[in-house]
Protein backbone atom coordinates (compact mmCIF):
# COMPACT_ATOMS: atom_id res chain seq x y z
CA MET A 1 9.03 -80.35 -51.59
CA GLU A 2 8.63 -76.88 -52.89
CA CYS A 3 5.92 -74.69 -50.98
CA SER A 4 3.62 -72.82 -53.27
CA SER A 5 3.73 -68.96 -53.04
CA LEU A 6 0.61 -67.31 -52.61
CA PRO A 7 -0.19 -63.60 -53.53
CA VAL A 8 -0.07 -60.69 -50.54
CA ILE A 9 -2.99 -58.70 -50.69
CA ASP A 10 -3.94 -55.53 -49.15
CA PHE A 11 -6.59 -56.09 -46.36
CA SER A 12 -8.97 -53.33 -47.47
CA GLU A 13 -8.78 -54.48 -51.33
CA TRP A 14 -9.45 -58.37 -49.75
CA THR A 15 -12.43 -56.73 -47.92
CA GLY A 16 -13.16 -55.29 -51.66
CA SER A 17 -13.15 -58.28 -53.38
CA LEU A 18 -15.07 -59.89 -50.76
CA ALA A 19 -17.46 -57.39 -50.95
CA THR A 20 -17.89 -57.58 -54.96
CA THR A 21 -18.10 -61.78 -54.86
CA MET A 22 -20.90 -61.66 -52.50
CA GLN A 23 -22.88 -57.94 -53.33
CA ARG A 24 -25.66 -59.71 -54.64
CA GLU A 25 -26.37 -62.55 -51.36
CA ARG A 26 -27.93 -61.55 -48.66
CA TYR A 27 -26.02 -62.51 -45.51
CA PRO A 28 -25.12 -61.62 -42.37
CA LEU A 29 -21.68 -60.61 -42.84
CA SER A 30 -21.44 -57.05 -40.80
CA CYS A 31 -22.56 -56.03 -37.66
CA THR A 32 -22.16 -52.92 -35.70
CA PHE A 33 -22.34 -53.96 -31.65
CA GLU A 34 -23.13 -51.81 -29.16
CA LEU A 35 -22.04 -52.76 -25.71
CA THR A 36 -23.28 -49.52 -23.52
CA ASP A 37 -25.32 -46.66 -24.32
CA ARG A 38 -24.02 -45.14 -21.60
CA CYS A 39 -20.71 -42.63 -21.88
CA ASN A 40 -18.16 -40.45 -19.55
CA LEU A 41 -18.37 -37.58 -21.94
CA ARG A 42 -21.21 -35.21 -22.84
CA CYS A 43 -20.93 -34.35 -26.44
CA VAL A 44 -23.64 -31.67 -27.06
CA HIS A 45 -24.51 -33.58 -30.47
CA CYS A 46 -24.65 -37.20 -29.54
CA TYR A 47 -27.62 -38.86 -30.62
CA ILE A 48 -27.27 -41.57 -27.73
CA ASN A 49 -25.67 -40.51 -25.22
CA GLN A 50 -26.31 -41.55 -21.66
CA PRO A 51 -24.88 -40.66 -18.49
CA ALA A 52 -21.80 -43.02 -17.39
CA GLY A 53 -23.34 -43.74 -14.15
CA SER A 54 -26.83 -43.83 -15.16
CA VAL A 55 -28.39 -47.32 -13.04
CA GLU A 56 -31.21 -47.49 -15.84
CA ALA A 57 -29.38 -47.19 -18.78
CA ARG A 58 -26.99 -49.82 -17.06
CA SER A 59 -29.45 -52.39 -16.17
CA SER A 60 -30.92 -52.88 -19.51
CA GLU A 61 -27.39 -53.70 -20.91
CA MET A 62 -26.30 -57.15 -21.55
CA ASP A 63 -24.30 -58.86 -19.16
CA THR A 64 -21.15 -60.53 -19.80
CA ALA A 65 -22.79 -64.20 -20.60
CA GLN A 66 -25.18 -63.00 -22.64
CA VAL A 67 -22.76 -60.70 -25.10
CA MET A 68 -20.56 -63.76 -25.60
CA GLN A 69 -24.16 -66.00 -26.09
CA LEU A 70 -24.62 -63.75 -29.00
CA LEU A 71 -21.08 -63.38 -30.13
CA ASP A 72 -21.20 -67.66 -30.51
CA ARG A 73 -24.58 -67.54 -32.34
CA MET A 74 -23.50 -64.67 -34.91
CA ALA A 75 -20.46 -66.96 -35.35
CA GLU A 76 -22.30 -69.68 -36.15
CA ALA A 77 -24.13 -68.00 -38.85
CA GLY A 78 -21.07 -66.56 -40.27
CA CYS A 79 -20.95 -63.39 -39.17
CA LEU A 80 -17.80 -62.09 -40.08
CA PHE A 81 -16.69 -58.62 -38.81
CA ILE A 82 -17.93 -56.74 -36.08
CA THR A 83 -17.75 -53.16 -34.89
CA LEU A 84 -17.67 -52.69 -31.10
CA THR A 85 -19.23 -49.22 -30.27
CA GLY A 86 -21.62 -47.42 -27.54
CA GLY A 87 -21.77 -45.32 -26.06
CA GLU A 88 -18.22 -45.62 -25.29
CA VAL A 89 -17.39 -49.37 -24.46
CA LEU A 90 -14.37 -48.89 -22.31
CA LEU A 91 -16.75 -47.69 -19.44
CA ARG A 92 -17.76 -51.46 -19.87
CA PRO A 93 -15.02 -53.19 -17.14
CA ASP A 94 -15.41 -56.59 -19.27
CA PHE A 95 -14.36 -54.85 -22.27
CA ALA A 96 -11.07 -56.54 -22.33
CA GLN A 97 -13.01 -59.81 -22.21
CA ILE A 98 -15.51 -59.63 -24.57
CA TYR A 99 -12.83 -58.35 -27.25
CA ARG A 100 -10.63 -61.26 -26.68
CA TYR A 101 -13.41 -63.58 -26.74
CA ALA A 102 -14.73 -61.87 -30.03
CA ARG A 103 -11.27 -62.27 -31.67
CA GLN A 104 -10.98 -66.15 -30.40
CA ARG A 105 -14.31 -66.80 -32.22
CA GLY A 106 -12.81 -65.29 -35.16
CA PHE A 107 -14.39 -62.16 -35.78
CA LEU A 108 -12.41 -59.22 -37.60
CA VAL A 109 -12.86 -56.17 -34.59
CA SER A 110 -13.14 -52.94 -35.32
CA VAL A 111 -13.50 -50.32 -32.16
CA PHE A 112 -15.21 -47.38 -31.73
CA THR A 113 -14.12 -45.30 -28.67
CA ASN A 114 -13.63 -41.96 -27.86
CA GLY A 115 -9.92 -42.40 -26.42
CA THR A 116 -10.08 -40.67 -22.98
CA LEU A 117 -10.47 -44.48 -20.81
CA LEU A 118 -7.54 -46.13 -23.02
CA THR A 119 -5.30 -47.71 -20.33
CA PRO A 120 -1.66 -48.99 -20.92
CA GLU A 121 -3.51 -52.80 -20.38
CA ILE A 122 -5.95 -52.40 -22.72
CA ALA A 123 -3.49 -50.71 -25.41
CA ASP A 124 -1.22 -54.05 -24.79
CA LEU A 125 -3.98 -55.98 -25.00
CA LEU A 126 -4.76 -54.32 -28.56
CA ALA A 127 -1.40 -54.68 -29.66
CA GLU A 128 -1.11 -58.37 -28.33
CA ILE A 129 -4.41 -59.34 -30.53
CA PRO A 130 -4.75 -56.59 -33.36
CA PRO A 131 -8.00 -55.34 -34.49
CA VAL A 132 -8.86 -54.05 -37.93
CA ALA A 133 -8.63 -50.61 -36.46
CA VAL A 134 -9.21 -48.75 -33.52
CA GLU A 135 -11.19 -44.84 -34.46
CA ILE A 136 -11.29 -42.48 -32.17
CA THR A 137 -13.35 -39.61 -32.63
CA LEU A 138 -11.43 -36.16 -32.59
CA TYR A 139 -13.75 -33.27 -31.11
CA GLY A 140 -11.41 -30.52 -31.61
CA ALA A 141 -7.63 -29.72 -32.22
CA THR A 142 -7.50 -27.65 -29.22
CA GLN A 143 -8.87 -28.14 -25.21
CA GLU A 144 -11.57 -25.27 -25.81
CA THR A 145 -12.86 -26.30 -28.46
CA TYR A 146 -12.54 -30.39 -27.70
CA GLU A 147 -14.03 -29.53 -24.16
CA ARG A 148 -16.96 -27.06 -25.13
CA VAL A 149 -18.38 -30.33 -27.86
CA THR A 150 -17.79 -32.76 -24.99
CA GLY A 151 -18.12 -30.94 -22.05
CA VAL A 152 -15.91 -32.71 -19.89
CA ALA A 153 -12.88 -30.60 -18.54
CA GLY A 154 -9.45 -32.68 -18.84
CA SER A 155 -10.97 -34.93 -21.85
CA TYR A 156 -9.17 -33.40 -24.53
CA GLU A 157 -5.50 -34.23 -22.63
CA ARG A 158 -7.03 -37.82 -21.81
CA CYS A 159 -7.79 -38.04 -25.39
CA LEU A 160 -4.32 -37.49 -26.93
CA ARG A 161 -2.66 -40.01 -24.19
CA GLY A 162 -5.40 -42.89 -25.50
CA ILE A 163 -4.05 -41.72 -28.82
CA LYS A 164 -0.39 -41.65 -28.10
CA LEU A 165 -0.52 -45.28 -25.67
CA LEU A 166 -2.07 -46.69 -29.62
CA MET A 167 0.72 -45.57 -31.62
CA GLU A 168 3.69 -46.26 -29.55
CA ARG A 169 2.04 -50.00 -29.97
CA GLY A 170 1.73 -49.93 -33.41
CA VAL A 171 -1.77 -50.13 -33.15
CA LYS A 172 -3.88 -49.42 -35.92
CA LEU A 173 -5.69 -46.08 -35.55
CA ARG A 174 -8.14 -43.76 -37.04
CA LEU A 175 -9.15 -40.89 -36.62
CA LYS A 176 -12.84 -39.04 -37.07
CA THR A 177 -14.66 -36.20 -36.30
CA PHE A 178 -17.98 -34.78 -36.17
CA VAL A 179 -17.80 -31.06 -37.88
CA ILE A 180 -20.10 -29.25 -36.09
CA THR A 181 -20.79 -25.22 -35.39
CA ILE A 182 -18.25 -25.52 -32.60
CA ASN A 183 -15.33 -27.19 -33.75
CA ARG A 184 -15.61 -26.53 -37.86
CA HIS A 185 -12.57 -23.78 -37.67
CA GLU A 186 -10.62 -26.55 -36.36
CA LEU A 187 -11.14 -29.02 -39.09
CA PRO A 188 -7.26 -28.13 -41.07
CA GLN A 189 -5.71 -28.68 -37.93
CA MET A 190 -7.36 -31.87 -37.11
CA GLN A 191 -6.44 -32.91 -40.64
CA LYS A 192 -3.16 -31.75 -39.97
CA LEU A 193 -2.45 -34.02 -36.77
CA ALA A 194 -3.71 -37.06 -38.29
CA GLU A 195 -1.38 -36.14 -41.50
CA GLN A 196 1.54 -35.68 -38.61
CA LEU A 197 0.24 -39.20 -37.27
CA GLY A 198 0.22 -40.97 -40.38
CA VAL A 199 -3.15 -41.92 -39.78
CA GLU A 200 -6.41 -42.21 -41.77
CA TYR A 201 -8.54 -39.67 -40.87
CA ARG A 202 -12.51 -38.66 -41.83
CA TYR A 203 -15.04 -36.31 -41.28
CA ASP A 204 -19.06 -36.26 -41.26
CA GLY A 205 -20.81 -33.18 -41.52
CA ILE A 206 -24.41 -34.37 -40.44
CA VAL A 207 -26.09 -34.55 -37.23
CA TRP A 208 -28.45 -36.89 -36.19
CA PRO A 209 -31.73 -36.22 -33.85
CA ARG A 210 -31.23 -38.39 -30.32
CA LEU A 211 -32.88 -41.59 -30.59
CA ASP A 212 -35.43 -40.21 -28.09
CA GLY A 213 -36.43 -38.01 -30.63
CA ASN A 214 -35.03 -34.89 -28.76
CA THR A 215 -33.59 -32.46 -31.74
CA SER A 216 -31.62 -30.55 -29.66
CA PRO A 217 -28.44 -31.44 -31.14
CA MET A 218 -29.52 -30.28 -35.04
CA GLN A 219 -28.59 -26.85 -33.44
CA TYR A 220 -24.83 -27.59 -34.14
CA GLN A 221 -25.77 -28.65 -37.64
CA LEU A 222 -23.62 -27.10 -39.82
CA SER A 223 -25.34 -25.06 -42.98
CA LEU A 224 -25.87 -26.68 -45.97
CA GLU A 225 -23.28 -24.47 -48.04
CA GLN A 226 -20.77 -25.37 -45.04
CA VAL A 227 -21.37 -28.91 -45.38
CA VAL A 228 -20.95 -29.04 -49.21
CA ASP A 229 -17.71 -26.47 -49.04
CA ILE A 230 -16.33 -29.25 -46.86
CA GLU A 231 -17.12 -31.87 -49.07
CA LEU A 232 -15.89 -30.22 -51.76
CA SER A 233 -12.54 -28.89 -50.21
CA GLU A 234 -10.42 -31.47 -51.53
CA PRO A 235 -9.81 -32.84 -55.31
CA GLU A 236 -10.44 -36.34 -54.22
CA LYS A 237 -13.81 -35.58 -52.74
CA ILE A 238 -14.41 -33.64 -56.06
CA ARG A 239 -13.80 -36.87 -58.03
CA GLU A 240 -15.79 -39.08 -55.91
CA TRP A 241 -18.68 -37.01 -56.56
CA VAL A 242 -17.89 -36.48 -60.01
CA ALA A 243 -18.53 -40.23 -60.64
CA LEU A 244 -21.25 -40.54 -58.48
CA MET A 245 -23.16 -38.08 -60.12
CA ASN A 246 -22.31 -39.31 -63.47
CA ASN A 247 -24.09 -42.58 -62.59
CA ASN A 248 -27.39 -40.11 -61.86
CA GLY A 249 -30.47 -40.78 -64.14
CA LYS A 250 -32.18 -43.81 -62.57
CA LYS A 251 -35.15 -43.49 -60.29
CA ASN A 252 -33.95 -46.16 -57.97
CA ARG A 253 -36.31 -44.90 -55.12
CA ALA A 254 -39.41 -45.88 -57.09
CA GLU A 255 -40.07 -49.52 -55.82
CA LYS A 256 -38.71 -50.42 -52.22
CA VAL A 257 -38.59 -48.44 -49.40
CA PHE A 258 -34.83 -49.93 -48.64
CA ILE A 259 -32.41 -49.69 -51.32
CA CYS A 260 -29.12 -49.14 -48.93
CA GLY A 261 -27.42 -51.91 -47.06
CA ALA A 262 -29.22 -52.41 -43.84
CA GLY A 263 -30.81 -56.05 -43.03
CA PHE A 264 -28.74 -57.12 -46.56
CA GLN A 265 -25.17 -57.87 -45.74
CA SER A 266 -24.89 -55.70 -42.29
CA PHE A 267 -27.02 -55.57 -39.23
CA HIS A 268 -26.93 -53.79 -36.15
CA VAL A 269 -27.37 -55.08 -32.37
CA ASP A 270 -28.24 -52.29 -29.80
CA SER A 271 -26.97 -52.87 -25.96
CA ALA A 272 -30.03 -54.82 -25.07
CA GLY A 273 -29.65 -57.36 -27.59
CA ARG A 274 -31.83 -56.74 -30.40
CA MET A 275 -31.40 -56.77 -33.89
CA SER A 276 -32.65 -53.81 -36.67
CA GLY A 277 -31.03 -53.04 -39.83
CA CYS A 278 -28.84 -50.23 -39.13
CA ILE A 279 -27.34 -48.14 -36.11
CA SER A 280 -29.96 -45.63 -37.11
CA LEU A 281 -32.96 -47.42 -37.45
CA ARG A 282 -33.80 -49.20 -34.75
CA ASP A 283 -37.66 -50.02 -35.60
CA PRO A 284 -38.32 -52.87 -36.32
CA SER A 285 -35.70 -54.55 -33.94
CA PHE A 286 -35.66 -58.44 -32.64
CA ASN A 287 -35.01 -59.56 -29.47
CA LEU A 288 -32.42 -62.12 -30.31
CA PHE A 289 -32.91 -63.36 -26.67
CA GLU A 290 -36.42 -63.94 -27.47
CA MET A 291 -35.71 -65.84 -30.49
CA ASP A 292 -33.34 -67.61 -32.67
CA PHE A 293 -30.66 -65.24 -34.69
CA ASN A 294 -31.58 -66.52 -37.82
CA GLU A 295 -35.22 -66.03 -37.57
CA ALA A 296 -34.36 -62.79 -36.51
CA TRP A 297 -32.14 -62.45 -39.98
CA GLU A 298 -35.00 -63.58 -42.22
CA ARG A 299 -37.33 -61.67 -40.28
CA LEU A 300 -35.44 -58.49 -40.68
CA GLY A 301 -34.94 -59.38 -44.56
CA LYS A 302 -38.80 -59.29 -45.09
CA GLU A 303 -38.89 -55.91 -44.03
CA ARG A 304 -36.37 -55.17 -47.19
CA GLU A 305 -38.94 -56.02 -49.47
CA LEU A 306 -41.67 -53.37 -48.57
CA LYS A 307 -43.09 -51.85 -51.21
CA ARG A 308 -43.31 -48.35 -51.45
CA GLN A 309 -46.76 -46.97 -50.41
CA LEU A 310 -46.32 -42.63 -50.74
CA HIS A 311 -45.87 -40.71 -53.96
CA THR A 312 -43.07 -38.75 -52.42
CA PRO A 313 -40.58 -36.47 -54.28
CA CYS A 314 -38.32 -39.11 -53.81
CA VAL A 315 -40.15 -41.85 -56.00
CA ASP A 316 -39.67 -39.47 -59.36
CA CYS A 317 -36.00 -38.28 -58.67
CA THR A 318 -32.97 -39.16 -60.15
CA LEU A 319 -30.11 -37.51 -57.59
CA GLY A 320 -30.17 -41.15 -55.49
CA ASN A 321 -26.38 -41.09 -56.03
CA LEU A 322 -26.12 -37.58 -54.14
CA CYS A 323 -28.67 -38.32 -51.50
CA ASP A 324 -28.85 -39.45 -47.92
CA GLN A 325 -32.24 -39.80 -47.89
CA CYS A 326 -33.08 -43.39 -46.36
CA PRO A 327 -35.83 -45.18 -44.24
CA GLY A 328 -33.71 -44.05 -41.33
CA TRP A 329 -33.80 -40.38 -41.82
CA SER A 330 -37.94 -40.80 -42.55
CA LYS A 331 -38.44 -42.73 -39.42
CA SER A 332 -36.31 -40.20 -37.34
CA VAL A 333 -38.13 -37.03 -38.60
CA HIS A 334 -41.57 -38.20 -39.58
CA ASN A 335 -42.28 -41.21 -38.16
CA ASP A 336 -42.62 -43.07 -41.32
CA TYR A 337 -40.03 -44.74 -43.92
CA GLU A 338 -40.86 -42.94 -46.92
CA SER A 339 -41.39 -39.41 -46.36
CA GLN A 340 -38.94 -36.80 -47.83
CA VAL A 341 -36.53 -35.31 -45.25
CA GLU A 342 -36.77 -31.57 -46.97
CA PHE A 343 -32.84 -30.65 -45.47
CA ILE A 344 -31.68 -34.15 -47.08
CA CYS A 345 -33.19 -33.17 -50.26
CA LYS A 346 -31.99 -29.77 -50.68
CA LEU A 347 -28.53 -30.97 -49.68
CA ALA A 348 -28.19 -33.64 -52.80
CA HIS A 349 -29.39 -30.61 -54.99
CA LEU A 350 -26.72 -28.32 -53.50
CA ARG A 351 -24.41 -31.29 -54.01
CA LEU A 352 -25.64 -31.39 -57.83
CA GLU A 353 -25.32 -27.77 -58.19
CA ARG A 354 -21.91 -27.16 -56.84
CA ILE A 355 -20.31 -30.12 -58.91
CA GLN A 356 -21.84 -28.78 -62.33
CA GLN A 357 -19.56 -25.78 -61.27
CA SER A 358 -16.77 -27.48 -60.36
CA ALA A 359 -13.94 -26.92 -62.89
CA ILE A 360 -13.04 -30.79 -62.93
CA ILE A 361 -16.42 -31.24 -64.78
CA ASN A 362 -15.13 -28.29 -67.86
């Protein structure tokens, strides 16, 4: 008897193929799942950070059984990808139990962590039952800078120890950075560290206000010129933006409020068990302990049918492919879904201007 030979494809290639196949279908494929709002660090730019010892925050979190109940319902609905995030997920003493259960239910799991609470036991679990990847946020290349961001002495060494534990076991690791005024000067060193480790690395220069409306994180936001300098610092980034610019010309924000993927093939569940469109837009949200999962998903879908009511500059703009404007930004700044966020608009136009000046176009 001869066995058939099946081609082996890269995971990212497979997920890309899946996304292409399903691109027109609304389906609850992917979830960001917050296990806690609490964190052991006190990062200056964080949009959600609640103290590790907060009794109030802890009391609102789902317990182990509730998390597993939601995982069951999500699996039954066909969800495939889950990102376990926080806060800091490893603050939960039941993290290992939750992670193991999610993998047993067939989810493809990614874990977002600051890495400082990783132990040999957790690293062993992740090696035994591998995730898609563990993403660790790197806040600086030196102890001084890292701990200026995190506000916690000793956190730098604990982060490096966590990275080492995963690397020693061959766990798929990615590094990422929020580039802010405090750590911008160390971006090349952080990139070099990732290169030396042989791991993927990404960074973001956009800071969000806190979920409670506090705008204090914004004082650490880079200037728009600095953001674009970083984005266009590598040839690959330039090619990406050029491709996006060449696809401009349509007024893709003219009719519906939502043109992003929120509530289309992805959704967010917060630490209390409320479903929303994405991690940046928590309103409206639907309590999954008060209604059926499918009902919440359908109600979320109705939000995507909302038509624009305001005639903002976004309606006539053709720079949508270069612009980060979204209902989440409008909600966080103006408390509605449509109003233009000025600095996001300026960023899109600056990107266009700088790309047009780039020699790669000439």
